[in-house]
Amino acid sequence: MNVRLTWLFALLVCAGISAPAFAHHGAGAYETKLTTLKGTVTEFQFVNPHAQILFEVSDASGKNRKWIAESVSPAAMSRSGWTRNTLKPGDPVTVTGNCSKNGTPAMRLSKIVLADGRELDITRGEDYAGQ
């Protein structure tokens, strides 16, 4: 009987420790279809746990709307050629990602294209094209 209780306790401890890891990656908060937006970088936060790109997009009436694109970790981005200086305020970008389901101007980054044509596809971890 003590062996069963020990295994049950060990299983519960493992489940409790791993629960936060499953809760953290909430892809369910984003739509499955991809959306592409053209805008201008206002800030690039190359920080853990996820880098963030803040950018403004002009709507049909010419009004600017602030957006945020959440990316992978800076370590993962570094392996694909990114640095904290890759994006600067004022840089024109084309951002593709999965928009938030709740209608907020937020997305999960999939790909970004810079004005000079260089791109990074976050989902495949590819390096900038042409480098």
N, C-alpha and C. Protein backbone atom coordinates (compact mmCIF):
# COMPACT_ATOMS: atom_id res chain seq x y z
N MET A 1 0.82 -1.20 0.00
CA MET A 1 0.00 0.00 0.00
C MET A 1 0.87 1.27 0.00
N ASN A 2 1.97 1.25 0.75
CA ASN A 2 2.86 2.41 0.81
C ASN A 2 3.50 2.72 -0.54
N VAL A 3 3.78 1.69 -1.34
CA VAL A 3 4.37 1.90 -2.67
C VAL A 3 3.38 2.63 -3.56
N ARG A 4 2.11 2.26 -3.51
CA ARG A 4 1.09 2.93 -4.32
C ARG A 4 0.94 4.40 -3.91
N LEU A 5 0.93 4.65 -2.62
CA LEU A 5 0.81 6.03 -2.15
C LEU A 5 2.03 6.86 -2.56
N THR A 6 3.20 6.26 -2.51
CA THR A 6 4.41 6.96 -2.93
C THR A 6 4.34 7.32 -4.41
N TRP A 7 3.92 6.38 -5.25
CA TRP A 7 3.80 6.66 -6.69
C TRP A 7 2.73 7.70 -6.96
N LEU A 8 1.61 7.63 -6.25
CA LEU A 8 0.54 8.61 -6.43
C LEU A 8 1.03 10.00 -6.03
N PHE A 9 1.74 10.07 -4.92
CA PHE A 9 2.30 11.35 -4.47
C PHE A 9 3.29 11.90 -5.49
N ALA A 10 4.17 11.05 -6.02
CA ALA A 10 5.15 11.48 -7.02
C ALA A 10 4.46 11.98 -8.28
N LEU A 11 3.41 11.29 -8.70
CA LEU A 11 2.66 11.71 -9.88
C LEU A 11 2.00 13.07 -9.67
N LEU A 12 1.41 13.26 -8.50
CA LEU A 12 0.76 14.55 -8.20
C LEU A 12 1.78 15.69 -8.14
N VAL A 13 2.94 15.42 -7.58
CA VAL A 13 4.00 16.45 -7.52
C VAL A 13 4.44 16.82 -8.93
N CYS A 14 4.67 15.82 -9.78
CA CYS A 14 5.08 16.10 -11.17
C CYS A 14 4.01 16.88 -11.92
N ALA A 15 2.77 16.52 -11.73
CA ALA A 15 1.68 17.23 -12.40
C ALA A 15 1.60 18.68 -11.91
N GLY A 16 1.79 18.87 -10.62
CA GLY A 16 1.74 20.22 -10.07
C GLY A 16 2.89 21.10 -10.55
N ILE A 17 4.06 20.51 -10.70
CA ILE A 17 5.22 21.27 -11.17
C ILE A 17 5.08 21.64 -12.64
N SER A 18 4.51 20.76 -13.45
CA SER A 18 4.42 21.02 -14.89
C SER A 18 3.23 21.88 -15.27
N ALA A 19 2.25 22.05 -14.40
CA ALA A 19 1.05 22.82 -14.74
C ALA A 19 1.35 24.24 -15.20
N PRO A 20 2.24 24.98 -14.53
CA PRO A 20 2.52 26.35 -15.01
C PRO A 20 3.08 26.39 -16.43
N ALA A 21 3.85 25.39 -16.82
CA ALA A 21 4.40 25.37 -18.18
C ALA A 21 3.30 25.25 -19.20
N PHE A 22 2.29 24.44 -18.93
CA PHE A 22 1.18 24.30 -19.86
C PHE A 22 0.32 25.55 -19.87
N ALA A 23 0.14 26.19 -18.75
CA ALA A 23 -0.69 27.38 -18.67
C ALA A 23 -0.05 28.56 -19.39
N HIS A 24 1.27 28.61 -19.43
CA HIS A 24 1.98 29.74 -20.02
C HIS A 24 1.77 29.86 -21.53
N HIS A 25 1.77 28.76 -22.24
CA HIS A 25 1.68 28.81 -23.69
C HIS A 25 0.24 28.71 -24.15
N GLY A 26 -0.47 29.85 -24.11
CA GLY A 26 -1.88 29.88 -24.44
C GLY A 26 -2.13 30.27 -25.88
N ALA A 27 -1.83 29.41 -26.82
CA ALA A 27 -2.08 29.70 -28.23
C ALA A 27 -3.57 29.81 -28.50
N GLY A 28 -4.39 29.30 -27.61
CA GLY A 28 -5.83 29.36 -27.78
C GLY A 28 -6.38 30.79 -27.72
N ALA A 29 -5.58 31.73 -27.26
CA ALA A 29 -6.01 33.12 -27.18
C ALA A 29 -5.91 33.84 -28.53
N TYR A 30 -5.35 33.16 -29.52
CA TYR A 30 -5.14 33.76 -30.83
C TYR A 30 -5.92 33.03 -31.92
N GLU A 31 -6.31 33.76 -32.95
CA GLU A 31 -7.00 33.17 -34.09
C GLU A 31 -6.05 32.22 -34.83
N THR A 32 -6.62 31.30 -35.59
CA THR A 32 -5.77 30.38 -36.35
C THR A 32 -5.34 30.98 -37.68
N LYS A 33 -6.14 31.89 -38.25
CA LYS A 33 -5.76 32.49 -39.53
C LYS A 33 -4.70 33.57 -39.32
N LEU A 34 -3.87 33.74 -40.34
CA LEU A 34 -2.82 34.76 -40.29
C LEU A 34 -3.33 36.09 -40.83
N THR A 35 -2.86 37.17 -40.23
CA THR A 35 -3.18 38.52 -40.66
C THR A 35 -1.87 39.25 -40.92
N THR A 36 -1.82 40.05 -41.97
CA THR A 36 -0.62 40.82 -42.30
C THR A 36 -0.94 42.30 -42.20
N LEU A 37 -0.08 43.03 -41.50
CA LEU A 37 -0.25 44.47 -41.30
C LEU A 37 1.04 45.19 -41.66
N LYS A 38 0.90 46.37 -42.28
CA LYS A 38 2.06 47.22 -42.56
C LYS A 38 2.02 48.37 -41.57
N GLY A 39 3.17 48.64 -40.96
CA GLY A 39 3.22 49.70 -39.97
C GLY A 39 4.62 50.21 -39.74
N THR A 40 4.76 50.95 -38.65
CA THR A 40 6.03 51.55 -38.27
C THR A 40 6.35 51.17 -36.84
N VAL A 41 7.56 50.69 -36.62
CA VAL A 41 7.99 50.29 -35.27
C VAL A 41 8.02 51.51 -34.36
N THR A 42 7.45 51.35 -33.16
CA THR A 42 7.55 52.40 -32.15
C THR A 42 8.49 51.99 -31.02
N GLU A 43 8.60 50.66 -30.81
CA GLU A 43 9.50 50.16 -29.77
C GLU A 43 9.76 48.67 -30.01
N PHE A 44 10.97 48.23 -29.68
CA PHE A 44 11.33 46.82 -29.78
C PHE A 44 11.87 46.40 -28.42
N GLN A 45 11.16 45.50 -27.75
CA GLN A 45 11.55 45.02 -26.42
C GLN A 45 12.15 43.62 -26.56
N PHE A 46 13.45 43.55 -26.55
CA PHE A 46 14.19 42.29 -26.70
C PHE A 46 14.43 41.73 -25.31
N VAL A 47 13.34 41.27 -24.65
CA VAL A 47 13.38 40.85 -23.26
C VAL A 47 12.72 39.48 -23.10
N ASN A 48 13.06 38.79 -22.00
CA ASN A 48 12.42 37.52 -21.67
C ASN A 48 11.09 37.77 -20.99
N PRO A 49 10.12 36.87 -21.08
CA PRO A 49 10.23 35.59 -21.73
C PRO A 49 9.93 35.65 -23.24
N HIS A 50 9.33 36.75 -23.70
CA HIS A 50 9.02 36.89 -25.12
C HIS A 50 9.35 38.30 -25.57
N ALA A 51 10.08 38.41 -26.67
CA ALA A 51 10.34 39.73 -27.23
C ALA A 51 9.03 40.30 -27.76
N GLN A 52 8.92 41.62 -27.74
CA GLN A 52 7.70 42.28 -28.20
C GLN A 52 8.05 43.40 -29.16
N ILE A 53 7.26 43.48 -30.22
CA ILE A 53 7.41 44.55 -31.21
C ILE A 53 6.17 45.42 -31.12
N LEU A 54 6.35 46.67 -30.76
CA LEU A 54 5.25 47.62 -30.72
C LEU A 54 5.31 48.42 -32.00
N PHE A 55 4.18 48.53 -32.68
CA PHE A 55 4.16 49.24 -33.96
C PHE A 55 2.81 49.92 -34.17
N GLU A 56 2.79 50.92 -35.05
CA GLU A 56 1.57 51.64 -35.37
C GLU A 56 1.15 51.33 -36.80
N VAL A 57 -0.14 51.17 -36.97
CA VAL A 57 -0.72 50.88 -38.27
C VAL A 57 -1.77 51.95 -38.57
N SER A 58 -1.75 52.51 -39.78
CA SER A 58 -2.77 53.48 -40.19
C SER A 58 -3.97 52.74 -40.75
N ASP A 59 -5.17 53.07 -40.24
CA ASP A 59 -6.37 52.42 -40.77
C ASP A 59 -6.85 53.16 -42.02
N ALA A 60 -7.97 52.76 -42.56
CA ALA A 60 -8.48 53.34 -43.81
C ALA A 60 -8.74 54.84 -43.70
N SER A 61 -9.07 55.30 -42.51
CA SER A 61 -9.36 56.73 -42.33
C SER A 61 -8.10 57.53 -42.04
N GLY A 62 -6.94 56.86 -41.95
CA GLY A 62 -5.69 57.55 -41.69
C GLY A 62 -5.34 57.65 -40.21
N LYS A 63 -6.20 57.10 -39.36
CA LYS A 63 -5.94 57.13 -37.93
C LYS A 63 -4.96 56.02 -37.56
N ASN A 64 -3.97 56.36 -36.72
CA ASN A 64 -2.97 55.38 -36.29
C ASN A 64 -3.51 54.55 -35.13
N ARG A 65 -3.26 53.26 -35.21
CA ARG A 65 -3.65 52.34 -34.13
C ARG A 65 -2.40 51.62 -33.67
N LYS A 66 -2.20 51.57 -32.36
CA LYS A 66 -1.03 50.91 -31.79
C LYS A 66 -1.29 49.41 -31.68
N TRP A 67 -0.31 48.63 -32.13
CA TRP A 67 -0.36 47.17 -32.10
C TRP A 67 0.84 46.65 -31.34
N ILE A 68 0.73 45.41 -30.87
CA ILE A 68 1.86 44.73 -30.25
C ILE A 68 1.92 43.31 -30.81
N ALA A 69 3.12 42.90 -31.18
CA ALA A 69 3.34 41.54 -31.68
C ALA A 69 4.28 40.85 -30.70
N GLU A 70 3.80 39.74 -30.14
CA GLU A 70 4.61 38.97 -29.22
C GLU A 70 5.36 37.91 -29.99
N SER A 71 6.65 37.80 -29.71
CA SER A 71 7.50 36.85 -30.43
C SER A 71 7.98 35.76 -29.49
N VAL A 72 8.96 35.01 -29.95
CA VAL A 72 9.60 33.98 -29.13
C VAL A 72 10.64 34.64 -28.24
N SER A 73 11.38 33.86 -27.49
CA SER A 73 12.38 34.40 -26.57
C SER A 73 13.54 35.04 -27.33
N PRO A 74 14.21 36.00 -26.69
CA PRO A 74 15.38 36.60 -27.32
C PRO A 74 16.46 35.57 -27.67
N ALA A 75 16.60 34.52 -26.87
CA ALA A 75 17.60 33.48 -27.17
C ALA A 75 17.27 32.80 -28.49
N ALA A 76 16.00 32.46 -28.69
CA ALA A 76 15.59 31.83 -29.94
C ALA A 76 15.75 32.79 -31.11
N MET A 77 15.43 34.06 -30.91
CA MET A 77 15.58 35.05 -31.97
C MET A 77 17.06 35.26 -32.32
N SER A 78 17.93 35.22 -31.30
CA SER A 78 19.37 35.40 -31.53
C SER A 78 19.92 34.32 -32.44
N ARG A 79 19.43 33.09 -32.28
CA ARG A 79 19.89 31.99 -33.13
C ARG A 79 19.48 32.20 -34.58
N SER A 80 18.50 33.08 -34.80
CA SER A 80 18.06 33.38 -36.16
C SER A 80 18.60 34.71 -36.66
N GLY A 81 19.56 35.29 -35.95
CA GLY A 81 20.21 36.49 -36.43
C GLY A 81 19.74 37.79 -35.84
N TRP A 82 18.75 37.75 -34.96
CA TRP A 82 18.25 38.98 -34.35
C TRP A 82 19.20 39.47 -33.26
N THR A 83 19.22 40.79 -33.07
CA THR A 83 19.88 41.40 -31.93
C THR A 83 18.91 42.44 -31.37
N ARG A 84 19.28 43.01 -30.25
CA ARG A 84 18.40 44.05 -29.69
C ARG A 84 18.35 45.30 -30.58
N ASN A 85 19.24 45.38 -31.58
CA ASN A 85 19.27 46.53 -32.49
C ASN A 85 18.67 46.23 -33.86
N THR A 86 18.06 45.07 -34.02
CA THR A 86 17.49 44.70 -35.32
C THR A 86 16.39 45.66 -35.74
N LEU A 87 15.55 46.05 -34.81
CA LEU A 87 14.45 46.98 -35.09
C LEU A 87 14.65 48.25 -34.28
N LYS A 88 14.37 49.37 -34.92
CA LYS A 88 14.48 50.66 -34.26
C LYS A 88 13.21 51.46 -34.49
N PRO A 89 12.85 52.34 -33.56
CA PRO A 89 11.67 53.18 -33.78
C PRO A 89 11.77 53.91 -35.12
N GLY A 90 10.68 53.89 -35.86
CA GLY A 90 10.65 54.53 -37.17
C GLY A 90 10.83 53.56 -38.32
N ASP A 91 11.30 52.34 -38.05
CA ASP A 91 11.49 51.34 -39.11
C ASP A 91 10.14 50.90 -39.67
N PRO A 92 9.97 50.96 -40.99
CA PRO A 92 8.75 50.42 -41.59
C PRO A 92 8.85 48.89 -41.63
N VAL A 93 7.75 48.21 -41.29
CA VAL A 93 7.73 46.75 -41.24
C VAL A 93 6.40 46.22 -41.77
N THR A 94 6.45 44.99 -42.22
CA THR A 94 5.24 44.24 -42.55
C THR A 94 5.22 43.06 -41.60
N VAL A 95 4.20 43.01 -40.77
CA VAL A 95 4.12 42.03 -39.69
C VAL A 95 2.99 41.04 -40.00
N THR A 96 3.29 39.75 -39.90
CA THR A 96 2.29 38.71 -40.10
C THR A 96 2.20 37.88 -38.83
N GLY A 97 0.97 37.62 -38.40
CA GLY A 97 0.79 36.82 -37.20
C GLY A 97 -0.66 36.48 -36.97
N ASN A 98 -0.91 35.85 -35.84
CA ASN A 98 -2.25 35.44 -35.43
C ASN A 98 -2.79 36.49 -34.47
N CYS A 99 -3.89 37.15 -34.85
CA CYS A 99 -4.48 38.20 -34.02
C CYS A 99 -5.15 37.63 -32.79
N SER A 100 -5.24 38.46 -31.78
CA SER A 100 -5.91 38.09 -30.55
C SER A 100 -7.39 37.85 -30.81
N LYS A 101 -7.96 36.83 -30.20
CA LYS A 101 -9.38 36.51 -30.38
C LYS A 101 -10.29 37.55 -29.73
N ASN A 102 -9.80 38.24 -28.69
CA ASN A 102 -10.66 39.17 -27.98
C ASN A 102 -10.74 40.56 -28.62
N GLY A 103 -10.14 40.73 -29.78
CA GLY A 103 -10.26 41.99 -30.52
C GLY A 103 -9.25 43.06 -30.15
N THR A 104 -8.38 42.80 -29.20
CA THR A 104 -7.36 43.79 -28.86
C THR A 104 -6.32 43.83 -29.99
N PRO A 105 -5.65 44.96 -30.17
CA PRO A 105 -4.65 45.06 -31.24
C PRO A 105 -3.34 44.36 -30.85
N ALA A 106 -3.41 43.05 -30.75
CA ALA A 106 -2.26 42.25 -30.36
C ALA A 106 -2.22 41.01 -31.24
N MET A 107 -1.02 40.53 -31.48
CA MET A 107 -0.86 39.32 -32.29
C MET A 107 0.33 38.51 -31.82
N ARG A 108 0.29 37.25 -32.18
CA ARG A 108 1.41 36.34 -31.98
C ARG A 108 2.21 36.34 -33.28
N LEU A 109 3.44 36.80 -33.22
CA LEU A 109 4.26 37.00 -34.41
C LEU A 109 4.55 35.70 -35.14
N SER A 110 4.41 35.74 -36.44
CA SER A 110 4.77 34.60 -37.28
C SER A 110 5.94 34.98 -38.18
N LYS A 111 5.84 36.16 -38.80
CA LYS A 111 6.88 36.59 -39.73
C LYS A 111 6.92 38.11 -39.77
N ILE A 112 8.10 38.64 -39.99
CA ILE A 112 8.26 40.09 -40.15
C ILE A 112 9.16 40.34 -41.36
N VAL A 113 8.77 41.34 -42.16
CA VAL A 113 9.55 41.74 -43.33
C VAL A 113 9.97 43.19 -43.14
N LEU A 114 11.26 43.44 -43.27
CA LEU A 114 11.79 44.80 -43.14
C LEU A 114 11.69 45.53 -44.47
N ALA A 115 11.90 46.82 -44.45
CA ALA A 115 11.77 47.65 -45.66
C ALA A 115 12.73 47.21 -46.77
N ASP A 116 13.90 46.67 -46.40
CA ASP A 116 14.87 46.25 -47.42
C ASP A 116 14.61 44.83 -47.94
N GLY A 117 13.50 44.21 -47.49
CA GLY A 117 13.14 42.90 -47.99
C GLY A 117 13.60 41.74 -47.12
N ARG A 118 14.48 42.01 -46.15
CA ARG A 118 14.90 40.93 -45.25
C ARG A 118 13.71 40.46 -44.43
N GLU A 119 13.64 39.14 -44.19
CA GLU A 119 12.52 38.62 -43.40
C GLU A 119 12.96 37.52 -42.45
N LEU A 120 12.17 37.35 -41.42
CA LEU A 120 12.39 36.28 -40.47
C LEU A 120 11.05 35.62 -40.22
N ASP A 121 11.02 34.32 -40.42
CA ASP A 121 9.82 33.52 -40.18
C ASP A 121 10.00 32.85 -38.83
N ILE A 122 9.32 33.33 -37.84
CA ILE A 122 9.46 32.84 -36.47
C ILE A 122 9.04 31.37 -36.36
N THR A 123 8.03 30.97 -37.10
CA THR A 123 7.50 29.61 -36.97
C THR A 123 8.47 28.54 -37.44
N ARG A 124 9.36 28.88 -38.37
CA ARG A 124 10.33 27.91 -38.85
C ARG A 124 11.74 28.19 -38.37
N GLY A 125 11.94 29.35 -37.70
CA GLY A 125 13.25 29.67 -37.18
C GLY A 125 14.26 29.98 -38.25
N GLU A 126 13.83 30.45 -39.41
CA GLU A 126 14.77 30.72 -40.50
C GLU A 126 15.49 32.03 -40.26
N ASP A 127 16.68 32.09 -40.78
CA ASP A 127 17.49 33.28 -40.70
C ASP A 127 16.97 34.32 -41.71
N TYR A 128 17.47 35.53 -41.63
CA TYR A 128 17.10 36.54 -42.61
C TYR A 128 17.42 36.03 -44.00
N ALA A 129 16.53 36.28 -44.93
CA ALA A 129 16.78 35.89 -46.33
C ALA A 129 17.94 36.72 -46.87
N GLY A 130 18.84 36.06 -47.55
CA GLY A 130 19.93 36.77 -48.21
C GLY A 130 21.15 37.03 -47.35
N GLN A 131 21.16 36.62 -46.11
CA GLN A 131 22.34 36.86 -45.28
C GLN A 131 23.24 35.68 -45.27
